[in-house]
């Protein structure tokens, strides 16, 4: 089992393995492997917006491969959801990358709840 978390409390239950963010080339390669219709530039835009976080990139690649959402629409939705997430957590001190990941996760859960996405 793999648990992804930034919470250091997991060390009591499992052996933590730190995983750094991808570099730009790794991010583009992962996105293009998951969503081959993307150009290098498009994959780079998505990677930059997601902070080169591997889990977020894998989810984004799956979404872009399995739906008719274009990259520009995906980025617009990501920005919209990130803004909503930041507004909802004002004063929490958890902005930036965490907000992007929360936004991506909320979008994935929201789409899954609506039924088939393809």
Protein backbone atom coordinates (compact mmCIF):
# COMPACT_ATOMS: atom_id res chain seq x y z
CA UNK A 1 0.00 0.00 0.00
CA UNK A 2 1.20 3.48 -0.83
CA UNK A 3 0.02 6.44 1.22
CA UNK A 4 0.71 9.91 -0.09
CA UNK A 5 0.72 12.54 2.61
CA UNK A 6 2.63 15.52 3.91
CA UNK A 7 1.59 14.62 7.45
CA UNK A 8 4.68 13.45 9.37
CA UNK A 9 2.45 11.43 11.73
CA UNK A 10 2.44 8.47 9.34
CA UNK A 11 5.93 7.47 10.52
CA UNK A 12 4.26 5.69 13.44
CA UNK A 13 2.41 3.34 11.06
CA UNK A 14 4.69 3.06 8.04
CA UNK A 15 8.18 3.77 6.79
CA UNK A 16 8.16 7.14 5.06
CA UNK A 17 9.87 7.56 1.71
CA UNK A 18 10.36 11.13 0.60
CA UNK A 19 9.56 11.77 -3.04
CA UNK A 20 10.62 15.06 -4.54
CA UNK A 21 8.70 16.87 -7.25
CA UNK A 22 9.51 15.98 -10.84
CA UNK A 23 11.68 18.16 -13.00
CA UNK A 24 10.05 19.71 -16.06
CA UNK A 25 11.19 16.96 -18.43
CA UNK A 26 9.85 14.18 -16.21
CA UNK A 27 6.53 15.99 -15.85
CA UNK A 28 6.14 16.43 -19.60
CA UNK A 29 7.07 12.78 -20.22
CA UNK A 30 4.49 11.53 -17.70
CA UNK A 31 1.72 13.73 -19.08
CA UNK A 32 2.47 12.76 -22.69
CA UNK A 33 2.57 9.07 -21.74
CA UNK A 34 -0.85 9.38 -20.06
CA UNK A 35 -2.34 11.77 -22.66
CA UNK A 36 -0.42 11.31 -25.94
CA UNK A 37 -2.50 13.96 -27.71
CA UNK A 38 -0.73 16.68 -25.71
CA UNK A 39 2.12 18.63 -27.26
CA UNK A 40 5.27 19.28 -25.23
CA UNK A 41 4.15 22.89 -24.76
CA UNK A 42 0.69 21.87 -23.53
CA UNK A 43 2.14 19.30 -21.14
CA UNK A 44 4.58 21.94 -19.90
CA UNK A 45 1.74 24.37 -19.15
CA UNK A 46 -0.13 21.74 -17.15
CA UNK A 47 3.04 20.63 -15.33
CA UNK A 48 3.89 24.18 -14.36
CA UNK A 49 0.39 24.85 -13.07
CA UNK A 50 0.48 21.66 -10.97
CA UNK A 51 3.91 22.40 -9.53
CA UNK A 52 5.45 19.24 -11.08
CA UNK A 53 3.77 17.08 -8.42
CA UNK A 54 3.70 13.49 -9.65
CA UNK A 55 0.30 12.49 -8.22
CA UNK A 56 -1.39 15.63 -9.55
CA UNK A 57 0.27 15.10 -12.94
CA UNK A 58 -0.91 11.48 -13.12
CA UNK A 59 -4.46 12.56 -12.29
CA UNK A 60 -4.36 15.41 -14.80
CA UNK A 61 -3.00 13.12 -17.50
CA UNK A 62 -5.75 10.58 -16.86
CA UNK A 63 -8.40 13.30 -16.96
CA UNK A 64 -7.08 14.79 -20.20
CA UNK A 65 -6.84 11.33 -21.78
CA UNK A 66 -10.29 10.16 -20.71
CA UNK A 67 -12.37 13.27 -21.41
CA UNK A 68 -12.83 15.75 -24.20
CA UNK A 69 -11.55 18.60 -22.02
CA UNK A 70 -8.92 20.62 -23.87
CA UNK A 71 -5.79 21.90 -22.16
CA UNK A 72 -6.91 25.53 -22.11
CA UNK A 73 -10.29 24.56 -20.63
CA UNK A 74 -8.58 22.28 -18.11
CA UNK A 75 -6.23 25.07 -17.02
CA UNK A 76 -9.13 27.52 -16.75
CA UNK A 77 -11.08 25.05 -14.58
CA UNK A 78 -8.00 24.41 -12.46
CA UNK A 79 -7.54 28.15 -11.92
CA UNK A 80 -11.22 28.54 -11.06
CA UNK A 81 -11.16 25.66 -8.58
CA UNK A 82 -7.88 26.84 -7.05
CA UNK A 83 -9.37 30.31 -6.51
CA UNK A 84 -12.45 28.74 -4.88
CA UNK A 85 -10.24 26.58 -2.69
CA UNK A 86 -8.12 29.53 -1.58
CA UNK A 87 -11.21 31.59 -0.76
CA UNK A 88 -12.62 28.72 1.26
CA UNK A 89 -9.44 28.30 3.30
CA UNK A 90 -8.48 31.91 3.96
CA UNK A 91 -6.30 32.20 7.01
CA UNK A 92 -5.38 28.53 7.01
CA UNK A 93 -1.86 29.16 5.78
CA UNK A 94 -2.24 26.33 3.25
CA UNK A 95 -1.98 28.00 -0.12
CA UNK A 96 0.18 27.48 -3.19
CA UNK A 97 0.85 23.89 -4.17
CA UNK A 98 -1.50 22.47 -1.56
CA UNK A 99 -4.35 24.56 -2.95
CA UNK A 100 -3.63 23.28 -6.46
CA UNK A 101 -3.65 19.67 -5.30
CA UNK A 102 -6.87 20.18 -3.30
CA UNK A 103 -8.41 21.77 -6.36
CA UNK A 104 -7.38 18.90 -8.64
CA UNK A 105 -8.64 16.34 -6.15
CA UNK A 106 -11.96 18.14 -5.73
CA UNK A 107 -12.38 18.21 -9.50
CA UNK A 108 -11.63 14.48 -9.79
CA UNK A 109 -14.09 13.57 -7.03
CA UNK A 110 -16.72 15.93 -8.44
CA UNK A 111 -16.49 14.38 -11.92
CA UNK A 112 -16.52 10.83 -10.52
CA UNK A 113 -19.69 11.59 -8.59
CA UNK A 114 -21.40 12.66 -11.84
CA UNK A 115 -20.95 9.24 -13.42
CA UNK A 116 -18.83 8.12 -16.40
CA UNK A 117 -16.43 10.77 -17.66
CA UNK A 118 -15.69 9.46 -21.13
